[in-house]
Amino acid sequence: MASPTANLHVQIVRFVIDHQPPIVACEFVDADGQKHTVVDKVWMFSEETPSAQSHYPKPGEIRCGVVSQWRDSEGRDVVRINTADPDQIESIEGLTEFTVLRDLVAEASSSVNEQ
């Protein structure tokens, strides 16, 4: 059975390559305070098409599968997500599963990444 789909809120932080579509880098911070970077086509994160001259950061989203949710030992609501589901997105370190604060995850909308 597939995981429920959600959107991870990220920040598009820089333009990487002038390509069609453009390649950008985005970042988010996990529940342990570790920053993660993902580099991919801009339409994987946003409906907008920023350029090298755009002002950064810009808001974006990564579709992800929700693996589990719980309240941690510090009383924070956290979510284990998988960015390989459904769009095969991984961090520059090759990671696809992350534990993030619940505030960074929203129900999936149909606006971003629908092909």
C-alpha atoms as a PDB file:
ATOM      1  CA  MET A   1       0.000   0.000   0.000  1.00  0.00           C
ATOM      2  CA  ALA A   2       1.379   3.426  -0.970  1.00  0.00           C
ATOM      3  CA  SER A   3       2.116   6.054   1.660  1.00  0.00           C
ATOM      4  CA  PRO A   4      -0.216   9.060   1.888  1.00  0.00           C
ATOM      5  CA  THR A   5       1.193  11.884  -0.248  1.00  0.00           C
ATOM      6  CA  ALA A   6       2.061  15.237   1.320  1.00  0.00           C
ATOM      7  CA  ASN A   7       4.128  18.318   0.511  1.00  0.00           C
ATOM      8  CA  LEU A   8       7.349  19.187   2.313  1.00  0.00           C
ATOM      9  CA  HIS A   9       7.849  22.959   2.518  1.00  0.00           C
ATOM     10  CA  VAL A  10      11.328  23.941   1.294  1.00  0.00           C
ATOM     11  CA  GLN A  11      13.231  27.066   0.325  1.00  0.00           C
ATOM     12  CA  ILE A  12      14.587  27.392  -3.218  1.00  0.00           C
ATOM     13  CA  VAL A  13      17.948  28.952  -2.409  1.00  0.00           C
ATOM     14  CA  ARG A  14      19.799  29.274  -5.702  1.00  0.00           C
ATOM     15  CA  PHE A  15      19.773  28.893  -9.451  1.00  0.00           C
ATOM     16  CA  VAL A  16      22.158  26.086 -10.471  1.00  0.00           C
ATOM     17  CA  ILE A  17      22.042  25.578 -14.255  1.00  0.00           C
ATOM     18  CA  ASP A  18      20.390  27.447 -17.115  1.00  0.00           C
ATOM     19  CA  HIS A  19      18.684  24.421 -18.607  1.00  0.00           C
ATOM     20  CA  GLN A  20      15.244  23.670 -19.981  1.00  0.00           C
ATOM     21  CA  PRO A  21      13.688  23.488 -17.417  1.00  0.00           C
ATOM     22  CA  PRO A  22      16.110  25.358 -15.136  1.00  0.00           C
ATOM     23  CA  ILE A  23      17.888  23.446 -12.371  1.00  0.00           C
ATOM     24  CA  VAL A  24      17.682  24.914  -8.856  1.00  0.00           C
ATOM     25  CA  ALA A  25      18.769  23.979  -5.343  1.00  0.00           C
ATOM     26  CA  CYS A  26      16.412  23.906  -2.403  1.00  0.00           C
ATOM     27  CA  GLU A  27      16.969  23.319   1.288  1.00  0.00           C
ATOM     28  CA  PHE A  28      15.108  22.229   4.386  1.00  0.00           C
ATOM     29  CA  VAL A  29      16.097  21.452   7.962  1.00  0.00           C
ATOM     30  CA  ASP A  30      15.195  18.132   9.584  1.00  0.00           C
ATOM     31  CA  ALA A  31      13.990  17.614  13.161  1.00  0.00           C
ATOM     32  CA  ASP A  32      17.602  17.247  14.366  1.00  0.00           C
ATOM     33  CA  GLY A  33      18.610  20.628  12.891  1.00  0.00           C
ATOM     34  CA  GLN A  34      20.502  19.083   9.939  1.00  0.00           C
ATOM     35  CA  LYS A  35      20.211  21.067   6.689  1.00  0.00           C
ATOM     36  CA  HIS A  36      19.509  19.026   3.543  1.00  0.00           C
ATOM     37  CA  THR A  37      19.933  20.193  -0.060  1.00  0.00           C
ATOM     38  CA  VAL A  38      18.078  18.880  -3.089  1.00  0.00           C
ATOM     39  CA  VAL A  39      19.007  19.829  -6.658  1.00  0.00           C
ATOM     40  CA  ASP A  40      16.543  19.170  -9.483  1.00  0.00           C
ATOM     41  CA  LYS A  41      14.345  20.726 -12.161  1.00  0.00           C
ATOM     42  CA  VAL A  42      12.502  23.782 -10.876  1.00  0.00           C
ATOM     43  CA  TRP A  43       9.071  22.317 -11.678  1.00  0.00           C
ATOM     44  CA  MET A  44       9.724  19.625  -9.085  1.00  0.00           C
ATOM     45  CA  PHE A  45       9.498  22.383  -6.436  1.00  0.00           C
ATOM     46  CA  SER A  46       7.454  25.261  -7.845  1.00  0.00           C
ATOM     47  CA  GLU A  47       5.127  26.456 -10.595  1.00  0.00           C
ATOM     48  CA  GLU A  48       7.266  29.599 -10.944  1.00  0.00           C
ATOM     49  CA  THR A  49      10.329  29.611 -13.175  1.00  0.00           C
ATOM     50  CA  PRO A  50      13.053  31.629 -11.441  1.00  0.00           C
ATOM     51  CA  SER A  51      16.196  32.713 -13.247  1.00  0.00           C
ATOM     52  CA  ALA A  52      19.778  33.398 -12.251  1.00  0.00           C
ATOM     53  CA  GLN A  53      18.708  37.023 -11.666  1.00  0.00           C
ATOM     54  CA  SER A  54      15.787  36.130  -9.373  1.00  0.00           C
ATOM     55  CA  HIS A  55      15.904  36.990  -5.695  1.00  0.00           C
ATOM     56  CA  TYR A  56      16.361  33.980  -3.414  1.00  0.00           C
ATOM     57  CA  PRO A  57      15.182  32.266  -1.269  1.00  0.00           C
ATOM     58  CA  LYS A  58      11.792  31.424  -2.776  1.00  0.00           C
ATOM     59  CA  PRO A  59       9.199  29.075  -1.287  1.00  0.00           C
ATOM     60  CA  GLY A  60       8.810  25.625  -2.784  1.00  0.00           C
ATOM     61  CA  GLU A  61       7.459  22.160  -2.077  1.00  0.00           C
ATOM     62  CA  ILE A  62       8.610  18.578  -2.559  1.00  0.00           C
ATOM     63  CA  ARG A  63       5.970  15.885  -2.875  1.00  0.00           C
ATOM     64  CA  CYS A  64       6.678  13.083  -0.440  1.00  0.00           C
ATOM     65  CA  GLY A  65       5.189   9.994   1.105  1.00  0.00           C
ATOM     66  CA  VAL A  66       4.324  10.018   4.799  1.00  0.00           C
ATOM     67  CA  VAL A  67       5.943   7.002   6.459  1.00  0.00           C
ATOM     68  CA  SER A  68       4.917   7.686  10.072  1.00  0.00           C
ATOM     69  CA  GLN A  69       4.017  10.429  12.552  1.00  0.00           C
ATOM     70  CA  TRP A  70       4.548  10.711  16.300  1.00  0.00           C
ATOM     71  CA  ARG A  71       5.363  13.028  19.185  1.00  0.00           C
ATOM     72  CA  ASP A  72       9.067  12.832  20.066  1.00  0.00           C
ATOM     73  CA  SER A  73      10.695  12.843  23.518  1.00  0.00           C
ATOM     74  CA  GLU A  74      10.828  16.658  23.406  1.00  0.00           C
ATOM     75  CA  GLY A  75       7.065  16.850  22.835  1.00  0.00           C
ATOM     76  CA  ARG A  76       7.390  17.912  19.187  1.00  0.00           C
ATOM     77  CA  ASP A  77       5.101  16.553  16.476  1.00  0.00           C
ATOM     78  CA  VAL A  78       7.369  14.942  13.878  1.00  0.00           C
ATOM     79  CA  VAL A  79       6.826  13.160  10.570  1.00  0.00           C
ATOM     80  CA  ARG A  80       9.003  10.579   8.807  1.00  0.00           C
ATOM     81  CA  ILE A  81       8.801  11.279   5.062  1.00  0.00           C
ATOM     82  CA  ASN A  82      10.113   9.608   1.922  1.00  0.00           C
ATOM     83  CA  THR A  83      10.973  11.920  -0.998  1.00  0.00           C
ATOM     84  CA  ALA A  84      11.508   8.985  -3.378  1.00  0.00           C
ATOM     85  CA  ASP A  85       7.733   8.496  -3.275  1.00  0.00           C
ATOM     86  CA  PRO A  86       6.297   9.604  -5.690  1.00  0.00           C
ATOM     87  CA  ASP A  87       8.923  11.639  -7.615  1.00  0.00           C
ATOM     88  CA  GLN A  88      12.270   9.876  -7.000  1.00  0.00           C
ATOM     89  CA  ILE A  89      13.832  12.947  -5.337  1.00  0.00           C
ATOM     90  CA  GLU A  90      16.931  12.564  -3.179  1.00  0.00           C
ATOM     91  CA  SER A  91      19.262  14.910  -1.322  1.00  0.00           C
ATOM     92  CA  ILE A  92      22.753  15.620  -2.601  1.00  0.00           C
ATOM     93  CA  GLU A  93      23.889  13.036  -0.025  1.00  0.00           C
ATOM     94  CA  GLY A  94      21.629  10.424  -1.664  1.00  0.00           C
ATOM     95  CA  LEU A  95      19.081  10.383   1.184  1.00  0.00           C
ATOM     96  CA  THR A  96      15.350   9.940   0.588  1.00  0.00           C
ATOM     97  CA  GLU A  97      13.968   9.489   4.128  1.00  0.00           C
ATOM     98  CA  PHE A  98      13.911  12.305   6.647  1.00  0.00           C
ATOM     99  CA  THR A  99      12.304  13.088   9.984  1.00  0.00           C
ATOM    100  CA  VAL A 100      10.991  16.655   9.984  1.00  0.00           C
ATOM    101  CA  LEU A 101       8.826  18.804  12.216  1.00  0.00           C
ATOM    102  CA  ARG A 102       5.127  18.450  11.420  1.00  0.00           C
ATOM    103  CA  ASP A 103       4.909  22.179  10.581  1.00  0.00           C
ATOM    104  CA  LEU A 104       7.012  21.546   7.431  1.00  0.00           C
ATOM    105  CA  VAL A 105       4.535  19.035   5.995  1.00  0.00           C
ATOM    106  CA  ALA A 106       1.160  19.849   4.470  1.00  0.00           C
ATOM    107  CA  GLU A 107      -1.534  17.820   2.772  1.00  0.00           C
ATOM    108  CA  ALA A 108      -0.780  17.362  -0.915  1.00  0.00           C
ATOM    109  CA  SER A 109      -2.262  19.937  -3.246  1.00  0.00           C
ATOM    110  CA  SER A 110      -2.864  19.353  -6.916  1.00  0.00           C
ATOM    111  CA  SER A 111      -0.960  22.473  -8.022  1.00  0.00           C
ATOM    112  CA  VAL A 112       2.702  21.474  -7.811  1.00  0.00           C
ATOM    113  CA  ASN A 113       4.264  18.545  -9.684  1.00  0.00           C
ATOM    114  CA  GLU A 114       1.087  17.270 -11.360  1.00  0.00           C
ATOM    115  CA  GLN A 115       2.125  15.901 -14.723  1.00  0.00           C
END
